[in-house]
Amino acid sequence: MKISGRNKLEATVKEIVKGTVMAKIVMDYKGTELVAAITIDSVADLDLVPGDKVTALVKATEMEVLK
């Protein structure tokens, strides 16, 4: 599969919080917490569980920085 995301971060899933339609995926990247929002269908399709090694793709148009 070809992807356009250039920023690929190897991370570990710490927590999955499922809502009705969306899920919050909390990941650890070298001691920094990353959070992504994906559909619960995607969680099932990827068979995600805490402890999984994943690659987080970051597109600048989808980035939010908080301080």
PDB file of N, CA and C in Angstrom:
ATOM      1  N   MET A   1       0.849  -1.168   0.000  1.00  0.00           N
ATOM      2  CA  MET A   1       0.000   0.000   0.000  1.00  0.00           C
ATOM      3  C   MET A   1       0.899   1.236   0.000  1.00  0.00           C
ATOM      4  N   LYS A   2       0.602   2.170  -0.862  1.00  0.00           N
ATOM      5  CA  LYS A   2       1.360   3.406  -0.935  1.00  0.00           C
ATOM      6  C   LYS A   2       0.702   4.454  -0.044  1.00  0.00           C
ATOM      7  N   ILE A   3       1.494   5.165   0.743  1.00  0.00           N
ATOM      8  CA  ILE A   3       0.974   6.203   1.636  1.00  0.00           C
ATOM      9  C   ILE A   3       1.739   7.492   1.416  1.00  0.00           C
ATOM     10  N   SER A   4       1.087   8.613   1.722  1.00  0.00           N
ATOM     11  CA  SER A   4       1.731   9.904   1.517  1.00  0.00           C
ATOM     12  C   SER A   4       2.359  10.458   2.788  1.00  0.00           C
ATOM     13  N   GLY A   5       2.040   9.875   3.941  1.00  0.00           N
ATOM     14  CA  GLY A   5       2.606  10.368   5.198  1.00  0.00           C
ATOM     15  C   GLY A   5       4.109  10.180   5.253  1.00  0.00           C
ATOM     16  N   ARG A   6       4.842  11.219   5.547  1.00  0.00           N
ATOM     17  CA  ARG A   6       6.300  11.151   5.592  1.00  0.00           C
ATOM     18  C   ARG A   6       6.821  10.933   7.009  1.00  0.00           C
ATOM     19  N   ASN A   7       6.056  11.364   7.998  1.00  0.00           N
ATOM     20  CA  ASN A   7       6.492  11.258   9.382  1.00  0.00           C
ATOM     21  C   ASN A   7       5.942   9.969   9.982  1.00  0.00           C
ATOM     22  N   LYS A   8       6.800   8.979  10.109  1.00  0.00           N
ATOM     23  CA  LYS A   8       6.413   7.668  10.603  1.00  0.00           C
ATOM     24  C   LYS A   8       7.075   7.450  11.955  1.00  0.00           C
ATOM     25  N   LEU A   9       6.253   7.244  12.982  1.00  0.00           N
ATOM     26  CA  LEU A   9       6.757   7.091  14.336  1.00  0.00           C
ATOM     27  C   LEU A   9       6.426   5.698  14.855  1.00  0.00           C
ATOM     28  N   GLU A  10       7.451   4.930  15.197  1.00  0.00           N
ATOM     29  CA  GLU A  10       7.241   3.601  15.768  1.00  0.00           C
ATOM     30  C   GLU A  10       6.833   3.776  17.228  1.00  0.00           C
ATOM     31  N   ALA A  11       5.680   3.259  17.601  1.00  0.00           N
ATOM     32  CA  ALA A  11       5.137   3.466  18.938  1.00  0.00           C
ATOM     33  C   ALA A  11       4.519   2.169  19.460  1.00  0.00           C
ATOM     34  N   THR A  12       4.132   2.206  20.733  1.00  0.00           N
ATOM     35  CA  THR A  12       3.468   1.078  21.376  1.00  0.00           C
ATOM     36  C   THR A  12       2.115   1.536  21.895  1.00  0.00           C
ATOM     37  N   VAL A  13       1.069   0.763  21.603  1.00  0.00           N
ATOM     38  CA  VAL A  13      -0.271   1.094  22.087  1.00  0.00           C
ATOM     39  C   VAL A  13      -0.314   0.908  23.598  1.00  0.00           C
ATOM     40  N   LYS A  14      -0.709   1.979  24.316  1.00  0.00           N
ATOM     41  CA  LYS A  14      -0.844   1.927  25.769  1.00  0.00           C
ATOM     42  C   LYS A  14      -2.277   1.689  26.201  1.00  0.00           C
ATOM     43  N   GLU A  15      -3.200   2.332  25.505  1.00  0.00           N
ATOM     44  CA  GLU A  15      -4.602   2.288  25.928  1.00  0.00           C
ATOM     45  C   GLU A  15      -5.501   2.527  24.727  1.00  0.00           C
ATOM     46  N   ILE A  16      -6.668   1.885  24.744  1.00  0.00           N
ATOM     47  CA  ILE A  16      -7.688   2.094  23.718  1.00  0.00           C
ATOM     48  C   ILE A  16      -8.987   2.424  24.436  1.00  0.00           C
ATOM     49  N   VAL A  17      -9.527   3.613  24.143  1.00  0.00           N
ATOM     50  CA  VAL A  17     -10.781   4.051  24.760  1.00  0.00           C
ATOM     51  C   VAL A  17     -11.827   4.114  23.648  1.00  0.00           C
ATOM     52  N   LYS A  18     -12.768   3.170  23.691  1.00  0.00           N
ATOM     53  CA  LYS A  18     -13.775   3.091  22.632  1.00  0.00           C
ATOM     54  C   LYS A  18     -15.007   3.908  22.979  1.00  0.00           C
ATOM     55  N   GLY A  19     -15.477   4.674  21.985  1.00  0.00           N
ATOM     56  CA  GLY A  19     -16.746   5.377  22.087  1.00  0.00           C
ATOM     57  C   GLY A  19     -17.757   4.655  21.228  1.00  0.00           C
ATOM     58  N   THR A  20     -18.809   5.351  20.864  1.00  0.00           N
ATOM     59  CA  THR A  20     -19.857   4.755  20.039  1.00  0.00           C
ATOM     60  C   THR A  20     -19.379   4.514  18.603  1.00  0.00           C
ATOM     61  N   VAL A  21     -18.680   5.508  18.055  1.00  0.00           N
ATOM     62  CA  VAL A  21     -18.221   5.439  16.668  1.00  0.00           C
ATOM     63  C   VAL A  21     -16.702   5.523  16.575  1.00  0.00           C
ATOM     64  N   MET A  22     -16.102   6.334  17.432  1.00  0.00           N
ATOM     65  CA  MET A  22     -14.660   6.578  17.388  1.00  0.00           C
ATOM     66  C   MET A  22     -13.963   5.964  18.602  1.00  0.00           C
ATOM     67  N   ALA A  23     -12.660   5.760  18.448  1.00  0.00           N
ATOM     68  CA  ALA A  23     -11.836   5.271  19.549  1.00  0.00           C
ATOM     69  C   ALA A  23     -10.618   6.170  19.687  1.00  0.00           C
ATOM     70  N   LYS A  24     -10.192   6.364  20.922  1.00  0.00           N
ATOM     71  CA  LYS A  24      -8.970   7.113  21.204  1.00  0.00           C
ATOM     72  C   LYS A  24      -7.868   6.090  21.439  1.00  0.00           C
ATOM     73  N   ILE A  25      -6.798   6.187  20.661  1.00  0.00           N
ATOM     74  CA  ILE A  25      -5.667   5.281  20.777  1.00  0.00           C
ATOM     75  C   ILE A  25      -4.522   6.059  21.419  1.00  0.00           C
ATOM     76  N   VAL A  26      -4.138   5.639  22.614  1.00  0.00           N
ATOM     77  CA  VAL A  26      -3.033   6.281  23.325  1.00  0.00           C
ATOM     78  C   VAL A  26      -1.794   5.427  23.083  1.00  0.00           C
ATOM     79  N   MET A  27      -0.719   6.076  22.604  1.00  0.00           N
ATOM     80  CA  MET A  27       0.512   5.360  22.266  1.00  0.00           C
ATOM     81  C   MET A  27       1.701   5.987  22.976  1.00  0.00           C
ATOM     82  N   ASP A  28       2.724   5.178  23.183  1.00  0.00           N
ATOM     83  CA  ASP A  28       3.986   5.664  23.739  1.00  0.00           C
ATOM     84  C   ASP A  28       5.012   5.714  22.615  1.00  0.00           C
ATOM     85  N   TYR A  29       5.605   6.892  22.419  1.00  0.00           N
ATOM     86  CA  TYR A  29       6.669   7.065  21.438  1.00  0.00           C
ATOM     87  C   TYR A  29       7.878   7.618  22.173  1.00  0.00           C
ATOM     88  N   LYS A  30       8.821   6.753  22.488  1.00  0.00           N
ATOM     89  CA  LYS A  30      10.059   7.156  23.170  1.00  0.00           C
ATOM     90  C   LYS A  30       9.782   7.985  24.418  1.00  0.00           C
ATOM     91  N   GLY A  31       8.780   7.577  25.201  1.00  0.00           N
ATOM     92  CA  GLY A  31       8.447   8.279  26.435  1.00  0.00           C
ATOM     93  C   GLY A  31       7.478   9.434  26.272  1.00  0.00           C
ATOM     94  N   THR A  32       7.084   9.724  25.048  1.00  0.00           N
ATOM     95  CA  THR A  32       6.111  10.781  24.777  1.00  0.00           C
ATOM     96  C   THR A  32       4.788  10.140  24.403  1.00  0.00           C
ATOM     97  N   GLU A  33       3.706  10.656  24.978  1.00  0.00           N
ATOM     98  CA  GLU A  33       2.382  10.111  24.700  1.00  0.00           C
ATOM     99  C   GLU A  33       1.809  10.724  23.432  1.00  0.00           C
ATOM    100  N   LEU A  34       1.391   9.861  22.525  1.00  0.00           N
ATOM    101  CA  LEU A  34       0.710  10.283  21.307  1.00  0.00           C
ATOM    102  C   LEU A  34      -0.725   9.782  21.394  1.00  0.00           C
ATOM    103  N   VAL A  35      -1.666  10.566  20.884  1.00  0.00           N
ATOM    104  CA  VAL A  35      -3.065  10.161  20.893  1.00  0.00           C
ATOM    105  C   VAL A  35      -3.627  10.319  19.480  1.00  0.00           C
ATOM    106  N   ALA A  36      -4.301   9.276  19.027  1.00  0.00           N
ATOM    107  CA  ALA A  36      -4.939   9.317  17.710  1.00  0.00           C
ATOM    108  C   ALA A  36      -6.412   8.966  17.864  1.00  0.00           C
ATOM    109  N   ALA A  37      -7.233   9.513  16.991  1.00  0.00           N
ATOM    110  CA  ALA A  37      -8.650   9.178  16.949  1.00  0.00           C
ATOM    111  C   ALA A  37      -8.906   8.414  15.657  1.00  0.00           C
ATOM    112  N   ILE A  38      -9.412   7.181  15.804  1.00  0.00           N
ATOM    113  CA  ILE A  38      -9.754   6.364  14.639  1.00  0.00           C
ATOM    114  C   ILE A  38     -11.129   5.735  14.898  1.00  0.00           C
ATOM    115  N   THR A  39     -11.728   5.206  13.862  1.00  0.00           N
ATOM    116  CA  THR A  39     -13.040   4.583  14.038  1.00  0.00           C
ATOM    117  C   THR A  39     -12.896   3.267  14.805  1.00  0.00           C
ATOM    118  N   ILE A  40     -13.972   2.860  15.471  1.00  0.00           N
ATOM    119  CA  ILE A  40     -13.918   1.580  16.172  1.00  0.00           C
ATOM    120  C   ILE A  40     -13.840   0.425  15.169  1.00  0.00           C
ATOM    121  N   ASP A  41     -14.359   0.634  13.964  1.00  0.00           N
ATOM    122  CA  ASP A  41     -14.209  -0.376  12.912  1.00  0.00           C
ATOM    123  C   ASP A  41     -12.737  -0.573  12.567  1.00  0.00           C
ATOM    124  N   SER A  42     -11.967   0.518  12.540  1.00  0.00           N
ATOM    125  CA  SER A  42     -10.531   0.422  12.257  1.00  0.00           C
ATOM    126  C   SER A  42      -9.792  -0.305  13.373  1.00  0.00           C
ATOM    127  N   VAL A  43     -10.205  -0.077  14.620  1.00  0.00           N
ATOM    128  CA  VAL A  43      -9.604  -0.807  15.748  1.00  0.00           C
ATOM    129  C   VAL A  43      -9.802  -2.304  15.538  1.00  0.00           C
ATOM    130  N   ALA A  44     -11.013  -2.698  15.151  1.00  0.00           N
ATOM    131  CA  ALA A  44     -11.310  -4.110  14.912  1.00  0.00           C
ATOM    132  C   ALA A  44     -10.549  -4.645  13.701  1.00  0.00           C
ATOM    133  N   ASP A  45     -10.534  -3.879  12.608  1.00  0.00           N
ATOM    134  CA  ASP A  45      -9.832  -4.314  11.387  1.00  0.00           C
ATOM    135  C   ASP A  45      -8.343  -4.524  11.649  1.00  0.00           C
ATOM    136  N   LEU A  46      -7.746  -3.632  12.456  1.00  0.00           N
ATOM    137  CA  LEU A  46      -6.314  -3.732  12.769  1.00  0.00           C
ATOM    138  C   LEU A  46      -6.045  -4.686  13.923  1.00  0.00           C
ATOM    139  N   ASP A  47      -7.121  -5.142  14.588  1.00  0.00           N
ATOM    140  CA  ASP A  47      -7.006  -6.045  15.735  1.00  0.00           C
ATOM    141  C   ASP A  47      -6.080  -5.442  16.798  1.00  0.00           C
ATOM    142  N   LEU A  48      -6.289  -4.147  17.078  1.00  0.00           N
ATOM    143  CA  LEU A  48      -5.423  -3.430  18.019  1.00  0.00           C
ATOM    144  C   LEU A  48      -5.724  -3.797  19.464  1.00  0.00           C
ATOM    145  N   VAL A  49      -4.655  -4.007  20.226  1.00  0.00           N
ATOM    146  CA  VAL A  49      -4.757  -4.228  21.668  1.00  0.00           C
ATOM    147  C   VAL A  49      -3.566  -3.540  22.333  1.00  0.00           C
ATOM    148  N   PRO A  50      -3.698  -3.157  23.601  1.00  0.00           N
ATOM    149  CA  PRO A  50      -2.561  -2.559  24.301  1.00  0.00           C
ATOM    150  C   PRO A  50      -1.349  -3.487  24.230  1.00  0.00           C
ATOM    151  N   GLY A  51      -0.190  -2.865  24.033  1.00  0.00           N
ATOM    152  CA  GLY A  51       1.056  -3.622  23.903  1.00  0.00           C
ATOM    153  C   GLY A  51       1.489  -3.820  22.463  1.00  0.00           C
ATOM    154  N   ASP A  52       0.564  -3.613  21.506  1.00  0.00           N
ATOM    155  CA  ASP A  52       0.912  -3.761  20.090  1.00  0.00           C
ATOM    156  C   ASP A  52       1.938  -2.719  19.672  1.00  0.00           C
ATOM    157  N   LYS A  53       2.881  -3.124  18.844  1.00  0.00           N
ATOM    158  CA  LYS A  53       3.816  -2.203  18.200  1.00  0.00           C
ATOM    159  C   LYS A  53       3.131  -1.697  16.935  1.00  0.00           C
ATOM    160  N   VAL A  54       3.081  -0.374  16.763  1.00  0.00           N
ATOM    161  CA  VAL A  54       2.407   0.232  15.618  1.00  0.00           C
ATOM    162  C   VAL A  54       3.285   1.309  15.006  1.00  0.00           C
ATOM    163  N   THR A  55       2.922   1.740  13.827  1.00  0.00           N
ATOM    164  CA  THR A  55       3.555   2.889  13.189  1.00  0.00           C
ATOM    165  C   THR A  55       2.510   3.983  13.094  1.00  0.00           C
ATOM    166  N   ALA A  56       2.765   5.114  13.757  1.00  0.00           N
ATOM    167  CA  ALA A  56       1.871   6.262  13.703  1.00  0.00           C
ATOM    168  C   ALA A  56       2.319   7.148  12.547  1.00  0.00           C
ATOM    169  N   LEU A  57       1.388   7.455  11.657  1.00  0.00           N
ATOM    170  CA  LEU A  57       1.672   8.340  10.526  1.00  0.00           C
ATOM    171  C   LEU A  57       1.131   9.718  10.852  1.00  0.00           C
ATOM    172  N   VAL A  58       1.982  10.723  10.726  1.00  0.00           N
ATOM    173  CA  VAL A  58       1.594  12.084  11.083  1.00  0.00           C
ATOM    174  C   VAL A  58       1.623  12.955   9.839  1.00  0.00           C
ATOM    175  N   LYS A  59       0.472  13.549   9.532  1.00  0.00           N
ATOM    176  CA  LYS A  59       0.399  14.515   8.429  1.00  0.00           C
ATOM    177  C   LYS A  59       0.235  15.890   9.051  1.00  0.00           C
ATOM    178  N   ALA A  60       1.004  16.845   8.607  1.00  0.00           N
ATOM    179  CA  ALA A  60       1.000  18.181   9.205  1.00  0.00           C
ATOM    180  C   ALA A  60      -0.379  18.829   9.163  1.00  0.00           C
ATOM    181  N   THR A  61      -1.183  18.513   8.186  1.00  0.00           N
ATOM    182  CA  THR A  61      -2.517  19.106   8.104  1.00  0.00           C
ATOM    183  C   THR A  61      -3.444  18.577   9.188  1.00  0.00           C
ATOM    184  N   GLU A  62      -3.073  17.503   9.842  1.00  0.00           N
ATOM    185  CA  GLU A  62      -3.889  16.887  10.874  1.00  0.00           C
ATOM    186  C   GLU A  62      -3.269  17.034  12.273  1.00  0.00           C
ATOM    187  N   MET A  63      -2.276  17.866  12.421  1.00  0.00           N
ATOM    188  CA  MET A  63      -1.522  17.989  13.662  1.00  0.00           C
ATOM    189  C   MET A  63      -2.079  19.085  14.560  1.00  0.00           C
ATOM    190  N   GLU A  64      -2.144  18.815  15.841  1.00  0.00           N
ATOM    191  CA  GLU A  64      -2.523  19.811  16.823  1.00  0.00           C
ATOM    192  C   GLU A  64      -1.472  19.800  17.924  1.00  0.00           C
ATOM    193  N   VAL A  65      -0.935  20.948  18.252  1.00  0.00           N
ATOM    194  CA  VAL A  65       0.107  21.060  19.266  1.00  0.00           C
ATOM    195  C   VAL A  65      -0.467  21.789  20.476  1.00  0.00           C
ATOM    196  N   LEU A  66      -0.351  21.169  21.637  1.00  0.00           N
ATOM    197  CA  LEU A  66      -0.848  21.756  22.870  1.00  0.00           C
ATOM    198  C   LEU A  66       0.319  21.976  23.827  1.00  0.00           C
ATOM    199  N   LYS A  67       0.212  23.020  24.630  1.00  0.00           N
ATOM    200  CA  LYS A  67       1.243  23.282  25.627  1.00  0.00           C
ATOM    201  C   LYS A  67       0.613  23.351  26.985  1.00  0.00           C
TER     202      LYS A  67
END
